[in-house]
Amino acid sequence: MSFYEIKNEKAIINIKAQPNSSKNKIAGLYGENAVKINIKAPAVEGAANKELIKFLSKSFKVPKSEIEIKGETSKQKKVVLPLNERVKKFLESVKG
């Protein structure tokens, strides 16, 4: 099992969100099946999800409107991103 799959030119990445962190950052692999992402915002009224979308949008130069989160109320989420060069490089670098 991998932490991501690619379908129809989109990357579907399993994410373990860590709200209330000191800063927004990609912390690396979480086990073998997810990428851990630290988010500053608390998990209150969707604040962490909004912050996560903003962070991913900046990190991968993808419009916020093209990022989709599945599993909004769970810490284990699936994030769907358009597959651009930055996303490809990121997946390669994490995979090792």
N, C-alpha and C. Protein backbone atom coordinates (compact mmCIF):
# COMPACT_ATOMS: atom_id res chain seq x y z
N MET A 1 0.86 -1.21 0.00
CA MET A 1 0.00 0.00 0.00
C MET A 1 0.88 1.24 0.00
N SER A 2 0.51 2.19 -0.81
CA SER A 2 1.29 3.42 -0.91
C SER A 2 0.50 4.56 -0.27
N PHE A 3 1.20 5.67 -0.03
CA PHE A 3 0.53 6.83 0.57
C PHE A 3 -0.18 7.69 -0.47
N TYR A 4 -0.08 7.31 -1.76
CA TYR A 4 -0.78 8.08 -2.79
C TYR A 4 -1.15 7.20 -3.97
N GLU A 5 -2.07 7.69 -4.77
CA GLU A 5 -2.36 7.06 -6.06
C GLU A 5 -2.58 8.17 -7.08
N ILE A 6 -2.41 7.81 -8.34
CA ILE A 6 -2.60 8.79 -9.41
C ILE A 6 -3.72 8.31 -10.31
N LYS A 7 -4.71 9.19 -10.49
CA LYS A 7 -5.87 8.88 -11.33
C LYS A 7 -6.24 10.12 -12.12
N ASN A 8 -6.45 9.96 -13.42
CA ASN A 8 -6.93 11.06 -14.26
C ASN A 8 -6.14 12.36 -14.06
N GLU A 9 -4.82 12.27 -14.08
CA GLU A 9 -3.97 13.46 -13.92
C GLU A 9 -4.15 14.16 -12.58
N LYS A 10 -4.57 13.41 -11.57
CA LYS A 10 -4.67 13.96 -10.21
C LYS A 10 -3.95 13.02 -9.26
N ALA A 11 -3.33 13.63 -8.24
CA ALA A 11 -2.67 12.84 -7.20
C ALA A 11 -3.61 12.80 -6.01
N ILE A 12 -3.89 11.59 -5.51
CA ILE A 12 -4.72 11.41 -4.32
C ILE A 12 -3.76 10.98 -3.21
N ILE A 13 -3.55 11.86 -2.25
CA ILE A 13 -2.54 11.63 -1.21
C ILE A 13 -3.22 11.42 0.13
N ASN A 14 -2.83 10.34 0.82
CA ASN A 14 -3.31 10.10 2.18
C ASN A 14 -2.52 11.01 3.12
N ILE A 15 -3.25 11.75 3.94
CA ILE A 15 -2.62 12.72 4.83
C ILE A 15 -3.05 12.48 6.26
N LYS A 16 -2.10 12.58 7.16
CA LYS A 16 -2.39 12.60 8.59
C LYS A 16 -2.19 14.04 9.01
N ALA A 17 -3.29 14.72 9.32
CA ALA A 17 -3.21 16.14 9.69
C ALA A 17 -2.91 16.26 11.19
N GLN A 18 -2.04 17.18 11.52
CA GLN A 18 -1.69 17.45 12.92
C GLN A 18 -1.99 18.92 13.20
N PRO A 19 -3.23 19.21 13.67
CA PRO A 19 -3.59 20.61 13.94
C PRO A 19 -2.86 21.15 15.18
N ASN A 20 -2.97 22.45 15.41
CA ASN A 20 -2.37 23.12 16.56
C ASN A 20 -0.85 22.98 16.61
N SER A 21 -0.21 22.93 15.46
CA SER A 21 1.25 22.82 15.43
C SER A 21 1.87 24.21 15.48
N SER A 22 3.18 24.25 15.75
CA SER A 22 3.84 25.56 15.84
C SER A 22 3.96 26.22 14.47
N LYS A 23 4.06 25.40 13.41
CA LYS A 23 4.09 25.99 12.06
C LYS A 23 3.55 24.98 11.06
N ASN A 24 3.17 25.51 9.88
CA ASN A 24 2.70 24.64 8.80
C ASN A 24 3.91 23.99 8.14
N LYS A 25 3.92 22.67 8.08
CA LYS A 25 5.01 22.01 7.38
C LYS A 25 4.65 20.57 7.04
N ILE A 26 5.32 20.06 6.02
CA ILE A 26 5.18 18.65 5.67
C ILE A 26 6.21 17.92 6.51
N ALA A 27 5.75 17.06 7.41
CA ALA A 27 6.65 16.43 8.37
C ALA A 27 7.24 15.12 7.84
N GLY A 28 6.78 14.66 6.67
CA GLY A 28 7.31 13.43 6.10
C GLY A 28 6.32 12.29 6.19
N LEU A 29 6.80 11.09 5.95
CA LEU A 29 5.91 9.94 5.95
C LEU A 29 5.42 9.62 7.35
N TYR A 30 4.18 9.20 7.44
CA TYR A 30 3.58 8.77 8.69
C TYR A 30 3.25 7.30 8.48
N GLY A 31 4.08 6.44 9.01
CA GLY A 31 3.95 5.02 8.69
C GLY A 31 4.26 4.85 7.21
N GLU A 32 3.61 3.91 6.56
CA GLU A 32 3.86 3.71 5.12
C GLU A 32 2.71 4.22 4.27
N ASN A 33 1.61 4.58 4.92
CA ASN A 33 0.40 4.86 4.16
C ASN A 33 -0.08 6.29 4.17
N ALA A 34 0.70 7.21 4.75
CA ALA A 34 0.24 8.60 4.80
C ALA A 34 1.42 9.55 4.93
N VAL A 35 1.17 10.81 4.58
CA VAL A 35 2.14 11.88 4.77
C VAL A 35 1.60 12.73 5.92
N LYS A 36 2.47 13.02 6.89
CA LYS A 36 2.04 13.84 8.02
C LYS A 36 2.27 15.31 7.68
N ILE A 37 1.24 16.10 7.90
CA ILE A 37 1.33 17.54 7.66
C ILE A 37 0.91 18.27 8.93
N ASN A 38 1.81 19.10 9.42
CA ASN A 38 1.52 19.91 10.60
C ASN A 38 0.83 21.19 10.14
N ILE A 39 -0.23 21.56 10.85
CA ILE A 39 -1.02 22.74 10.51
C ILE A 39 -1.17 23.60 11.77
N LYS A 40 -0.93 24.91 11.63
CA LYS A 40 -1.00 25.81 12.78
C LYS A 40 -2.41 25.93 13.35
N ALA A 41 -3.39 25.95 12.46
CA ALA A 41 -4.77 26.22 12.88
C ALA A 41 -5.32 25.07 13.74
N PRO A 42 -6.22 25.40 14.67
CA PRO A 42 -6.87 24.35 15.47
C PRO A 42 -7.93 23.62 14.65
N ALA A 43 -8.28 22.43 15.09
CA ALA A 43 -9.31 21.65 14.39
C ALA A 43 -10.69 22.09 14.85
N VAL A 44 -11.03 23.34 14.59
CA VAL A 44 -12.30 23.92 15.03
C VAL A 44 -13.00 24.52 13.82
N GLU A 45 -14.24 24.11 13.60
CA GLU A 45 -15.07 24.67 12.52
C GLU A 45 -14.36 24.74 11.18
N GLY A 46 -13.61 23.70 10.85
CA GLY A 46 -12.97 23.64 9.54
C GLY A 46 -11.74 24.52 9.37
N ALA A 47 -11.28 25.16 10.46
CA ALA A 47 -10.13 26.07 10.35
C ALA A 47 -8.88 25.34 9.87
N ALA A 48 -8.63 24.16 10.41
CA ALA A 48 -7.43 23.40 10.01
C ALA A 48 -7.52 22.98 8.54
N ASN A 49 -8.70 22.61 8.07
CA ASN A 49 -8.85 22.23 6.66
C ASN A 49 -8.59 23.42 5.74
N LYS A 50 -9.10 24.59 6.12
CA LYS A 50 -8.87 25.79 5.31
C LYS A 50 -7.38 26.09 5.26
N GLU A 51 -6.72 26.00 6.41
CA GLU A 51 -5.28 26.26 6.49
C GLU A 51 -4.50 25.23 5.68
N LEU A 52 -4.95 23.98 5.73
CA LEU A 52 -4.30 22.90 4.97
C LEU A 52 -4.38 23.18 3.47
N ILE A 53 -5.56 23.59 3.00
CA ILE A 53 -5.74 23.90 1.58
C ILE A 53 -4.85 25.08 1.18
N LYS A 54 -4.80 26.11 2.03
CA LYS A 54 -3.97 27.28 1.74
C LYS A 54 -2.49 26.86 1.66
N PHE A 55 -2.07 26.05 2.61
CA PHE A 55 -0.67 25.60 2.68
C PHE A 55 -0.31 24.75 1.45
N LEU A 56 -1.18 23.82 1.09
CA LEU A 56 -0.92 22.97 -0.08
C LEU A 56 -0.93 23.80 -1.37
N SER A 57 -1.83 24.75 -1.44
CA SER A 57 -1.92 25.63 -2.60
C SER A 57 -0.61 26.38 -2.81
N LYS A 58 -0.07 26.94 -1.72
CA LYS A 58 1.21 27.65 -1.79
C LYS A 58 2.36 26.71 -2.10
N SER A 59 2.40 25.58 -1.40
CA SER A 59 3.52 24.64 -1.53
C SER A 59 3.64 24.10 -2.94
N PHE A 60 2.51 23.80 -3.57
CA PHE A 60 2.54 23.15 -4.88
C PHE A 60 2.10 24.04 -6.03
N LYS A 61 1.89 25.34 -5.75
CA LYS A 61 1.47 26.30 -6.79
C LYS A 61 0.23 25.79 -7.54
N VAL A 62 -0.78 25.43 -6.75
CA VAL A 62 -2.03 24.90 -7.29
C VAL A 62 -3.16 25.82 -6.80
N PRO A 63 -4.11 26.19 -7.66
CA PRO A 63 -5.22 27.02 -7.18
C PRO A 63 -6.01 26.31 -6.07
N LYS A 64 -6.38 27.07 -5.04
CA LYS A 64 -7.13 26.49 -3.91
C LYS A 64 -8.39 25.78 -4.38
N SER A 65 -9.01 26.33 -5.42
CA SER A 65 -10.27 25.75 -5.92
C SER A 65 -10.07 24.35 -6.51
N GLU A 66 -8.81 23.99 -6.82
CA GLU A 66 -8.56 22.68 -7.43
C GLU A 66 -8.11 21.63 -6.41
N ILE A 67 -8.11 22.01 -5.13
CA ILE A 67 -7.72 21.06 -4.08
C ILE A 67 -8.98 20.57 -3.39
N GLU A 68 -9.06 19.27 -3.25
CA GLU A 68 -10.25 18.66 -2.66
C GLU A 68 -9.83 17.82 -1.45
N ILE A 69 -10.58 17.94 -0.36
CA ILE A 69 -10.29 17.14 0.83
C ILE A 69 -11.44 16.16 1.05
N LYS A 70 -11.07 14.90 1.23
CA LYS A 70 -12.07 13.88 1.59
C LYS A 70 -11.74 13.44 3.02
N GLY A 71 -12.76 13.35 3.86
CA GLY A 71 -12.54 12.99 5.26
C GLY A 71 -12.30 14.24 6.09
N GLU A 72 -13.14 15.25 5.88
CA GLU A 72 -12.92 16.56 6.50
C GLU A 72 -12.89 16.53 8.02
N THR A 73 -13.68 15.67 8.64
CA THR A 73 -13.74 15.68 10.11
C THR A 73 -12.77 14.68 10.74
N SER A 74 -12.00 14.00 9.92
CA SER A 74 -11.05 13.01 10.41
C SER A 74 -9.64 13.55 10.32
N LYS A 75 -8.74 13.04 11.16
CA LYS A 75 -7.34 13.43 11.04
C LYS A 75 -6.68 12.71 9.86
N GLN A 76 -7.26 11.58 9.47
CA GLN A 76 -6.78 10.85 8.29
C GLN A 76 -7.61 11.34 7.11
N LYS A 77 -6.98 12.00 6.18
CA LYS A 77 -7.69 12.59 5.05
C LYS A 77 -7.12 12.10 3.73
N LYS A 78 -7.88 12.27 2.69
CA LYS A 78 -7.38 12.08 1.34
C LYS A 78 -7.45 13.45 0.69
N VAL A 79 -6.34 13.90 0.15
CA VAL A 79 -6.31 15.20 -0.52
C VAL A 79 -6.08 14.94 -2.00
N VAL A 80 -6.91 15.57 -2.82
CA VAL A 80 -6.81 15.41 -4.27
C VAL A 80 -6.22 16.69 -4.85
N LEU A 81 -5.08 16.54 -5.54
CA LEU A 81 -4.38 17.69 -6.15
C LEU A 81 -4.18 17.44 -7.64
N PRO A 82 -4.20 18.49 -8.45
CA PRO A 82 -3.83 18.31 -9.85
C PRO A 82 -2.37 17.89 -9.91
N LEU A 83 -2.05 17.00 -10.81
CA LEU A 83 -0.70 16.45 -10.89
C LEU A 83 0.19 17.38 -11.71
N ASN A 84 0.89 18.31 -11.05
CA ASN A 84 1.83 19.18 -11.76
C ASN A 84 3.26 18.75 -11.41
N GLU A 85 4.24 19.46 -11.94
CA GLU A 85 5.64 19.06 -11.72
C GLU A 85 6.02 19.07 -10.25
N ARG A 86 5.56 20.09 -9.50
CA ARG A 86 5.89 20.17 -8.08
C ARG A 86 5.34 18.99 -7.31
N VAL A 87 4.11 18.61 -7.62
CA VAL A 87 3.49 17.47 -6.94
C VAL A 87 4.26 16.20 -7.27
N LYS A 88 4.62 16.02 -8.55
CA LYS A 88 5.38 14.85 -8.96
C LYS A 88 6.72 14.77 -8.22
N LYS A 89 7.43 15.90 -8.16
CA LYS A 89 8.73 15.94 -7.47
C LYS A 89 8.56 15.60 -6.00
N PHE A 90 7.51 16.15 -5.38
CA PHE A 90 7.26 15.88 -3.98
C PHE A 90 7.03 14.38 -3.74
N LEU A 91 6.18 13.77 -4.56
CA LEU A 91 5.88 12.34 -4.41
C LEU A 91 7.15 11.51 -4.56
N GLU A 92 7.98 11.86 -5.54
CA GLU A 92 9.25 11.15 -5.74
C GLU A 92 10.17 11.30 -4.54
N SER A 93 10.25 12.52 -4.01
CA SER A 93 11.18 12.78 -2.90
C SER A 93 10.74 12.06 -1.62
N VAL A 94 9.44 12.00 -1.38
CA VAL A 94 8.96 11.31 -0.18
C VAL A 94 9.11 9.82 -0.31
N LYS A 95 8.85 9.33 -1.52
CA LYS A 95 8.96 7.91 -1.78
C LYS A 95 10.39 7.40 -1.54
N GLY A 96 11.33 8.31 -1.82
CA GLY A 96 12.74 7.96 -1.62
C GLY A 96 13.23 7.16 -2.75
